[in-house]
């Protein structure tokens, strides 16, 4: 074992240790200060680097966004360019087709030009012939001019002769019409007849009718108006055809005896055909139509034709007793009464006190029949005379 040191030695040994520790503490404090300074420097450097890093990251994001937008724009531009390229390709194909078509047309035009050249050569030859013909034409025109004056002179003479011939034709037509009228007048006859136990002079004359002459008919009615100046025919029937029958049964025809002019007013046509009826003049301008066959059935209706306006009206008929339907009969106006007689074997004359119009005046006679039995019903003052003729 080593010898134990004494207290002084221990004291001497402890002092350098403390000094040494103090020095080490100072060194450590100095190192700590250096470390703090270095830490502060590093911390500042870190902040700078972090700020720079954040700036760089922001720039990277900015460039990344711009790159994305640019990529989309470039994609749209690329797609648009591709569409343009496709359109140009289609246009190019169309132009190629047009070029091919133009080549074909050019070939065809070349052929046509060739043909036209050949045709022009032929036309040139014809033109030479035409020039010769033109010379001949000029010579002919000279000859025609010489003949033109002669033709004009002959045309004037021909025109004069044509006018003269037309005047002679007019005179001939006038003379022919006068001759026909004289022929008709010369065929007139005058006879002496005994009618109703009295002598009658019957004069028969013929005249040429004008206007819309009605067709032949039977079983119609004929009335005299205006003092014998107008004859009015209504209805009747024809055995020619159903179409003619329908037209005759519905029409009214008026004859002006002074001018021998026929008219068929359209306003007087009736919707239903009628024949075997009677027509009686009442007043001055009205014709009363009674009975007859309307369509296919006998009727007892009364209708009045106003000859002033050629329109029909249905009067208010008064009285207790109305005659039954009939046809082939006779009627006559006596003052305010209308007498009706049914003409048939075994039938008596019946006079109905049948008032139609208070202003009725005596006035007319009517004949009717079926072709075998005829009745003549004449009224004078207050008396009616019925004569029946058979054939």
Protein backbone atom coordinates (compact mmCIF):
# COMPACT_ATOMS: atom_id res chain seq x y z
CA UNK A 1 0.00 0.00 0.00
CA UNK A 2 1.33 3.43 -0.60
CA UNK A 3 1.86 5.62 2.20
CA UNK A 4 -0.95 7.90 3.16
CA UNK A 5 -0.41 11.52 2.42
CA UNK A 6 -0.86 13.98 4.99
CA UNK A 7 -3.27 16.84 5.10
CA UNK A 8 -1.03 19.32 3.28
CA UNK A 9 -0.38 17.05 0.48
CA UNK A 10 -4.09 16.54 0.13
CA UNK A 11 -4.65 20.24 0.04
CA UNK A 12 -1.98 20.77 -2.55
CA UNK A 13 -3.51 18.08 -4.68
CA UNK A 14 -7.12 19.48 -4.40
CA UNK A 15 -6.21 22.99 -5.52
CA UNK A 16 -4.97 22.07 -8.98
CA UNK A 17 -8.08 19.96 -9.52
CA UNK A 18 -10.37 22.86 -8.77
CA UNK A 19 -8.35 25.09 -11.03
CA UNK A 20 -8.47 22.49 -13.65
CA UNK A 21 -12.19 22.06 -13.20
CA UNK A 22 -12.74 25.77 -13.34
CA UNK A 23 -10.71 25.96 -16.48
CA UNK A 24 -12.69 23.10 -17.92
CA UNK A 25 -15.90 24.84 -16.82
CA UNK A 26 -14.74 28.00 -18.54
CA UNK A 27 -13.83 26.02 -21.57
CA UNK A 28 -17.22 24.34 -21.47
CA UNK A 29 -18.99 27.68 -21.02
CA UNK A 30 -16.96 29.11 -23.87
CA UNK A 31 -17.86 26.07 -25.94
CA UNK A 32 -21.49 26.47 -24.85
CA UNK A 33 -21.44 30.10 -25.93
CA UNK A 34 -19.88 29.10 -29.19
CA UNK A 35 -22.52 26.41 -29.57
CA UNK A 36 -25.28 28.94 -28.78
CA UNK A 37 -23.83 31.36 -31.33
CA UNK A 38 -23.51 28.55 -33.82
CA UNK A 39 -27.05 27.37 -32.95
CA UNK A 40 -28.37 30.90 -33.48
CA UNK A 41 -26.51 31.08 -36.77
CA UNK A 42 -27.82 27.67 -37.82
CA UNK A 43 -31.32 28.62 -36.73
CA UNK A 44 -31.15 31.81 -38.83
CA UNK A 45 -29.76 29.80 -41.71
CA UNK A 46 -32.60 27.30 -41.30
CA UNK A 47 -35.17 30.11 -41.42
CA UNK A 48 -33.55 31.47 -44.56
CA UNK A 49 -33.44 28.04 -46.15
CA UNK A 50 -37.08 27.37 -45.12
CA UNK A 51 -38.22 30.72 -46.57
CA UNK A 52 -36.28 29.99 -49.72
CA UNK A 53 -37.77 26.52 -49.83
CA UNK A 54 -41.31 27.92 -49.43
CA UNK A 55 -40.63 30.47 -52.18
CA UNK A 56 -39.30 27.75 -54.42
CA UNK A 57 -42.32 25.55 -53.59
CA UNK A 58 -44.68 28.44 -54.48
CA UNK A 59 -42.81 28.96 -57.75
CA UNK A 60 -42.96 25.22 -58.41
CA UNK A 61 -46.75 25.24 -57.80
CA UNK A 62 -47.09 28.31 -59.98
CA UNK A 63 -45.07 26.72 -62.77
CA UNK A 64 -46.97 23.46 -62.28
CA UNK A 65 -50.32 25.32 -62.65
CA UNK A 66 -49.06 27.17 -65.71
CA UNK A 67 -47.75 23.90 -67.08
CA UNK A 68 -51.20 22.28 -66.55
CA UNK A 69 -52.98 25.18 -68.23
CA UNK A 70 -50.47 25.18 -71.04
CA UNK A 71 -50.90 21.43 -71.41
CA UNK A 72 -54.70 21.80 -71.71
CA UNK A 73 -54.29 24.68 -74.16
CA UNK A 74 -51.81 22.70 -76.18
CA UNK A 75 -54.19 19.71 -76.10
CA UNK A 76 -57.07 21.88 -77.39
CA UNK A 77 -54.80 23.41 -80.00
CA UNK A 78 -53.62 19.95 -81.00
CA UNK A 79 -57.22 18.69 -81.28
CA UNK A 80 -58.20 21.77 -83.30
CA UNK A 81 -55.18 21.27 -85.53
CA UNK A 82 -56.12 17.62 -86.01
CA UNK A 83 -59.66 18.63 -86.99
CA UNK A 84 -58.24 21.21 -89.38
CA UNK A 85 -55.96 18.55 -90.82
CA UNK A 86 -58.95 16.21 -91.29
CA UNK A 87 -60.95 19.02 -92.92
CA UNK A 88 -58.00 19.81 -95.16
CA UNK A 89 -57.76 16.12 -96.04
CA UNK A 90 -61.48 16.06 -96.94
CA UNK A 91 -61.05 19.27 -98.91
CA UNK A 92 -58.01 17.80 -100.60
CA UNK A 93 -59.98 14.68 -101.56
CA UNK A 94 -62.79 16.89 -102.88
CA UNK A 95 -60.30 18.95 -104.85
CA UNK A 96 -58.76 15.77 -106.20
CA UNK A 97 -62.24 14.63 -107.30
CA UNK A 98 -62.82 18.04 -108.88
CA UNK A 99 -59.47 17.82 -110.60
CA UNK A 100 -60.39 14.40 -111.95
CA UNK A 101 -63.77 15.78 -113.05
CA UNK A 102 -62.07 18.78 -114.66
CA UNK A 103 -59.66 16.43 -116.41
CA UNK A 104 -62.63 14.47 -117.74
CA UNK A 105 -64.40 17.67 -118.78
CA UNK A 106 -61.19 18.92 -120.35
CA UNK A 107 -60.95 15.75 -122.39
CA UNK A 108 -64.58 16.10 -123.38
CA UNK A 109 -64.05 19.78 -124.21
CA UNK A 110 -61.03 18.82 -126.30
CA UNK A 111 -63.20 16.38 -128.22
CA UNK A 112 -65.86 19.05 -128.63
CA UNK A 113 -63.27 21.55 -129.84
CA UNK A 114 -62.12 19.00 -132.36
CA UNK A 115 -65.69 18.42 -133.48
CA UNK A 116 -66.30 22.19 -133.59
CA UNK A 117 -63.28 22.66 -135.78
CA UNK A 118 -64.62 20.04 -138.14
CA UNK A 119 -68.05 21.68 -137.96
CA UNK A 120 -66.51 25.10 -138.59
CA UNK A 121 -64.83 23.74 -141.66
CA UNK A 122 -68.17 22.41 -142.87
CA UNK A 123 -69.86 25.71 -141.95
CA UNK A 124 -67.24 27.62 -143.87
CA UNK A 125 -68.13 25.63 -146.94
CA UNK A 126 -71.82 26.27 -146.28
CA UNK A 127 -71.08 29.97 -145.75
CA UNK A 128 -69.62 30.17 -149.19
CA UNK A 129 -72.75 28.55 -150.54
CA UNK A 130 -74.86 30.95 -148.42
CA UNK A 131 -73.06 33.96 -149.86
CA UNK A 132 -74.04 32.76 -153.27
CA UNK A 133 -77.60 32.26 -152.07
CA UNK A 134 -77.56 35.75 -150.53
CA UNK A 135 -76.72 37.19 -153.88
CA UNK A 136 -79.59 35.24 -155.37
CA UNK A 137 -81.83 36.52 -152.53
CA UNK A 138 -80.95 40.12 -153.31
CA UNK A 139 -81.85 39.51 -156.90
CA UNK A 140 -85.15 37.96 -155.82
CA UNK A 141 -85.88 40.87 -153.45
CA UNK A 142 -85.49 43.25 -156.32
CA UNK A 143 -88.00 41.19 -158.24
CA UNK A 144 -90.34 41.07 -155.20
CA UNK A 145 -90.19 44.83 -154.78
CA UNK A 146 -91.28 45.20 -158.34
CA UNK A 147 -94.23 42.87 -157.67
CA UNK A 148 -95.14 44.49 -154.32
CA UNK A 149 -96.76 47.57 -155.81
CA UNK A 150 -98.86 45.39 -158.07
CA UNK A 151 -99.90 43.21 -155.09
CA UNK A 152 -100.87 46.26 -153.00
CA UNK A 153 -102.99 47.56 -155.82
CA UNK A 154 -104.70 44.18 -156.18
CA UNK A 155 -105.15 44.01 -152.35
CA UNK A 156 -106.95 47.34 -152.34
CA UNK A 157 -109.20 46.14 -155.14
CA UNK A 158 -109.82 42.88 -153.25
CA UNK A 159 -110.63 44.78 -150.03
CA UNK A 160 -113.11 46.95 -151.90
CA UNK A 161 -114.74 43.87 -153.42
CA UNK A 162 -114.85 42.13 -149.99
CA UNK A 163 -116.57 45.12 -148.37
CA UNK A 164 -119.02 45.24 -151.22
CA UNK A 165 -119.67 41.49 -150.85
CA UNK A 166 -120.26 41.89 -147.08
CA UNK A 167 -122.76 44.67 -147.74
CA UNK A 168 -124.52 42.45 -150.27
CA UNK A 169 -124.56 39.58 -147.72
CA UNK A 170 -126.15 41.89 -145.12
CA UNK A 171 -128.74 43.02 -147.65
CA UNK A 172 -129.33 39.38 -148.61
CA UNK A 173 -129.81 38.35 -144.95
CA UNK A 174 -132.20 41.25 -144.42
CA UNK A 175 -134.12 40.28 -147.54
CA UNK A 176 -134.17 36.63 -146.43
CA UNK A 177 -135.61 37.65 -143.03
CA UNK A 178 -138.20 39.87 -144.70
CA UNK A 179 -139.04 37.03 -147.08
CA UNK A 180 -139.54 34.62 -144.18
CA UNK A 181 -141.77 37.11 -142.38
CA UNK A 182 -143.76 37.72 -145.57
CA UNK A 183 -144.05 33.96 -146.08
CA UNK A 184 -145.36 33.54 -142.53
CA UNK A 185 -147.77 36.43 -142.96
CA UNK A 186 -148.97 35.08 -146.29
CA UNK A 187 -149.82 31.77 -144.61
CA UNK A 188 -152.39 33.52 -142.39
CA UNK A 189 -156.01 32.36 -142.74
CA UNK A 190 -159.41 33.82 -141.85
CA UNK A 191 -162.37 31.51 -141.13
CA UNK A 192 -165.94 31.93 -139.99
CA UNK A 193 -166.87 29.61 -137.10
CA UNK A 194 -170.02 29.12 -135.03
CA UNK A 195 -168.98 29.02 -131.36
CA UNK A 196 -171.45 29.08 -128.48
CA UNK A 197 -174.23 29.47 -131.09
CA UNK A 198 -172.72 32.73 -132.29
CA UNK A 199 -170.68 33.54 -135.43
CA UNK A 200 -166.98 34.04 -134.81
CA UNK A 201 -164.29 35.18 -137.24
CA UNK A 202 -161.10 33.29 -136.53
CA UNK A 203 -157.89 34.73 -137.91
CA UNK A 204 -154.80 32.54 -137.90
CA UNK A 205 -151.40 34.14 -138.45
CA UNK A 206 -147.81 32.90 -138.20
CA UNK A 207 -144.77 34.77 -136.91
CA UNK A 208 -141.14 33.95 -136.38
CA UNK A 209 -140.34 33.60 -132.69
CA UNK A 210 -137.21 35.09 -131.13
CA UNK A 211 -135.34 34.69 -127.88
CA UNK A 212 -135.29 31.63 -125.63
CA UNK A 213 -138.09 29.64 -127.28
CA UNK A 214 -139.52 26.94 -124.94
CA UNK A 215 -139.73 23.29 -125.99
CA UNK A 216 -142.90 21.49 -127.07
CA UNK A 217 -145.04 20.29 -124.17
CA UNK A 218 -148.47 19.13 -123.09
CA UNK A 219 -150.62 19.37 -119.94
CA UNK A 220 -149.20 22.82 -119.13
CA UNK A 221 -151.04 26.09 -118.44
CA UNK A 222 -151.22 29.18 -120.69
CA UNK A 223 -152.51 32.54 -119.42
CA UNK A 224 -153.03 35.88 -121.17
CA UNK A 225 -151.91 39.10 -119.47
CA UNK A 226 -151.56 42.82 -120.28
CA UNK A 227 -154.60 42.89 -122.53
CA UNK A 228 -153.37 40.07 -124.73
CA UNK A 229 -149.80 41.40 -125.06
CA UNK A 230 -148.19 38.74 -122.83
CA UNK A 231 -148.60 34.96 -122.80
CA UNK A 232 -147.33 33.04 -119.76
CA UNK A 233 -146.68 29.28 -119.91
CA UNK A 234 -146.05 27.27 -116.76
CA UNK A 235 -145.17 23.59 -116.28
CA UNK A 236 -146.24 20.73 -118.49
CA UNK A 237 -144.63 17.49 -119.49
CA UNK A 238 -142.76 16.01 -122.42
CA UNK A 239 -142.46 12.46 -123.66
CA UNK A 240 -138.93 12.97 -124.96
CA UNK A 241 -136.76 12.26 -121.91
CA UNK A 242 -136.79 12.49 -118.14
CA UNK A 243 -134.30 15.36 -118.22
CA UNK A 244 -136.52 17.37 -120.56
CA UNK A 245 -139.53 16.41 -118.45
CA UNK A 246 -137.90 17.79 -115.30
CA UNK A 247 -136.95 21.05 -117.00
CA UNK A 248 -140.38 21.62 -118.53
CA UNK A 249 -142.29 20.91 -115.32
CA UNK A 250 -140.45 23.60 -113.35
CA UNK A 251 -140.03 26.49 -115.78
CA UNK A 252 -142.06 29.58 -116.64
CA UNK A 253 -141.87 31.08 -120.15
CA UNK A 254 -143.18 34.51 -121.19
CA UNK A 255 -143.97 35.61 -124.78
CA UNK A 256 -144.27 39.27 -125.75
CA UNK A 257 -146.85 39.12 -128.54
CA UNK A 258 -145.86 42.51 -129.98
CA UNK A 259 -142.16 41.64 -130.42
CA UNK A 260 -142.58 37.84 -130.58
CA UNK A 261 -139.74 37.59 -128.04
CA UNK A 262 -139.59 34.64 -125.61
CA UNK A 263 -138.05 34.86 -122.15
CA UNK A 264 -137.60 32.26 -119.42
CA UNK A 265 -137.02 34.09 -116.09
CA UNK A 266 -134.91 32.04 -113.71
CA UNK A 267 -136.58 33.54 -110.61
CA UNK A 268 -139.91 31.93 -111.58
CA UNK A 269 -138.62 28.33 -111.64
CA UNK A 270 -140.23 26.06 -109.05
CA UNK A 271 -138.43 23.37 -107.03
CA UNK A 272 -141.01 20.70 -107.99
CA UNK A 273 -142.35 19.74 -111.42
CA UNK A 274 -146.03 20.31 -112.19
CA UNK A 275 -148.40 19.30 -115.00
CA UNK A 276 -152.14 18.83 -115.58
CA UNK A 277 -152.80 21.87 -113.33
CA UNK A 278 -154.80 25.02 -114.08
CA UNK A 279 -153.65 28.62 -114.30
CA UNK A 280 -156.14 31.46 -113.74
CA UNK A 281 -155.49 35.20 -114.00
CA UNK A 282 -156.55 37.06 -110.85
CA UNK A 283 -156.16 40.79 -110.79
CA UNK A 284 -153.92 42.28 -113.46
CA UNK A 285 -150.53 40.70 -112.86
CA UNK A 286 -151.14 37.54 -110.83
CA UNK A 287 -151.68 33.96 -111.99
CA UNK A 288 -153.33 31.48 -109.60
CA UNK A 289 -152.18 27.87 -110.08
CA UNK A 290 -154.36 25.13 -108.59
CA UNK A 291 -154.02 21.35 -108.34
CA UNK A 292 -152.29 19.22 -110.92
CA UNK A 293 -149.62 16.61 -110.49
CA UNK A 294 -146.75 17.80 -108.28
CA UNK A 295 -143.89 15.41 -108.72
CA UNK A 296 -145.80 12.11 -108.95
CA UNK A 297 -148.92 12.82 -106.82
CA UNK A 298 -152.08 14.82 -107.42
CA UNK A 299 -152.30 17.99 -105.34
CA UNK A 300 -154.83 20.58 -104.21
CA UNK A 301 -152.31 23.29 -103.39
CA UNK A 302 -152.65 26.91 -104.48
CA UNK A 303 -149.75 29.12 -105.47
CA UNK A 304 -149.71 32.56 -107.09
CA UNK A 305 -147.15 33.88 -109.56
CA UNK A 306 -146.61 37.64 -109.40
CA UNK A 307 -145.62 38.59 -112.95
CA UNK A 308 -144.32 41.98 -111.84
CA UNK A 309 -141.25 40.41 -110.21
CA UNK A 310 -141.70 36.80 -111.45
CA UNK A 311 -141.80 35.37 -107.92
CA UNK A 312 -144.13 32.82 -106.35
CA UNK A 313 -146.14 33.24 -103.15
CA UNK A 314 -148.55 31.02 -101.19
CA UNK A 315 -151.82 32.85 -100.31
CA UNK A 316 -153.95 32.48 -97.18
CA UNK A 317 -156.95 30.44 -98.42
CA UNK A 318 -160.22 30.93 -96.53
CA UNK A 319 -163.44 28.88 -96.52
CA UNK A 320 -164.83 25.79 -94.86
CA UNK A 321 -164.59 23.35 -97.73
CA UNK A 322 -161.40 22.69 -99.66
CA UNK A 323 -161.47 20.67 -102.90
CA UNK A 324 -159.70 17.31 -102.78
CA UNK A 325 -156.52 16.74 -104.87
CA UNK A 326 -157.18 16.52 -108.62
CA UNK A 327 -155.63 16.97 -112.06
CA UNK A 328 -156.97 17.42 -115.58
CA UNK A 329 -159.61 19.85 -114.30
CA UNK A 330 -160.66 23.41 -115.22
CA UNK A 331 -160.84 26.66 -113.23
CA UNK A 332 -162.12 30.17 -113.92
CA UNK A 333 -162.20 33.42 -111.91
CA UNK A 334 -165.64 35.09 -111.41
CA UNK A 335 -165.35 38.22 -109.30
CA UNK A 336 -164.23 36.95 -105.89
CA UNK A 337 -164.94 33.26 -106.55
CA UNK A 338 -162.88 30.59 -108.25
CA UNK A 339 -164.88 27.77 -109.83
CA UNK A 340 -163.29 24.35 -110.04
CA UNK A 341 -164.58 21.52 -112.22
CA UNK A 342 -163.28 17.96 -112.31
CA UNK A 343 -163.43 16.76 -115.90
CA UNK A 344 -164.02 13.03 -115.97
CA UNK A 345 -166.85 10.72 -117.08
CA UNK A 346 -169.69 10.75 -114.58
CA UNK A 347 -168.44 13.82 -112.66
CA UNK A 348 -170.62 16.85 -112.14
CA UNK A 349 -169.58 20.50 -112.19
CA UNK A 350 -169.02 21.75 -108.65
CA UNK A 351 -168.67 25.44 -107.83
CA UNK A 352 -166.90 26.14 -104.52
CA UNK A 353 -167.51 29.39 -102.70
CA UNK A 354 -163.76 29.44 -102.18
CA UNK A 355 -162.41 32.94 -101.60
CA UNK A 356 -158.80 33.45 -102.57
CA UNK A 357 -158.37 37.18 -103.09
CA UNK A 358 -160.90 39.95 -102.42
CA UNK A 359 -159.45 41.97 -105.28
CA UNK A 360 -159.94 39.21 -107.86
CA UNK A 361 -161.61 40.26 -111.08
CA UNK A 362 -163.31 38.18 -113.75
CA UNK A 363 -160.90 37.34 -116.38
CA UNK A 364 -159.77 34.11 -118.05
CA UNK A 365 -160.49 30.72 -119.52
CA UNK A 366 -158.48 27.54 -119.23
CA UNK A 367 -158.41 24.26 -121.11
CA UNK A 368 -157.10 21.02 -119.69
CA UNK A 369 -157.25 17.31 -120.42
CA UNK A 370 -155.39 14.04 -120.89
CA UNK A 371 -155.49 13.98 -124.67
CA UNK A 372 -158.90 12.35 -125.00
CA UNK A 373 -161.31 14.54 -123.04
CA UNK A 374 -161.10 18.34 -123.09
CA UNK A 375 -162.98 20.87 -121.01
CA UNK A 376 -163.57 24.52 -121.91
CA UNK A 377 -164.59 26.56 -118.86
CA UNK A 378 -165.71 30.10 -119.78
CA UNK A 379 -167.13 32.62 -117.31
CA UNK A 380 -169.02 35.79 -118.18
CA UNK A 381 -170.29 38.11 -115.46
CA UNK A 382 -171.87 35.79 -112.86
CA UNK A 383 -172.35 32.76 -115.12
CA UNK A 384 -169.99 29.91 -116.01
CA UNK A 385 -170.38 27.81 -119.16
CA UNK A 386 -168.78 24.35 -119.29
CA UNK A 387 -168.34 22.67 -122.67
CA UNK A 388 -166.77 19.20 -122.97
CA UNK A 389 -165.16 18.03 -126.20
CA UNK A 390 -164.18 14.42 -126.90
CA UNK A 391 -161.82 13.22 -129.61
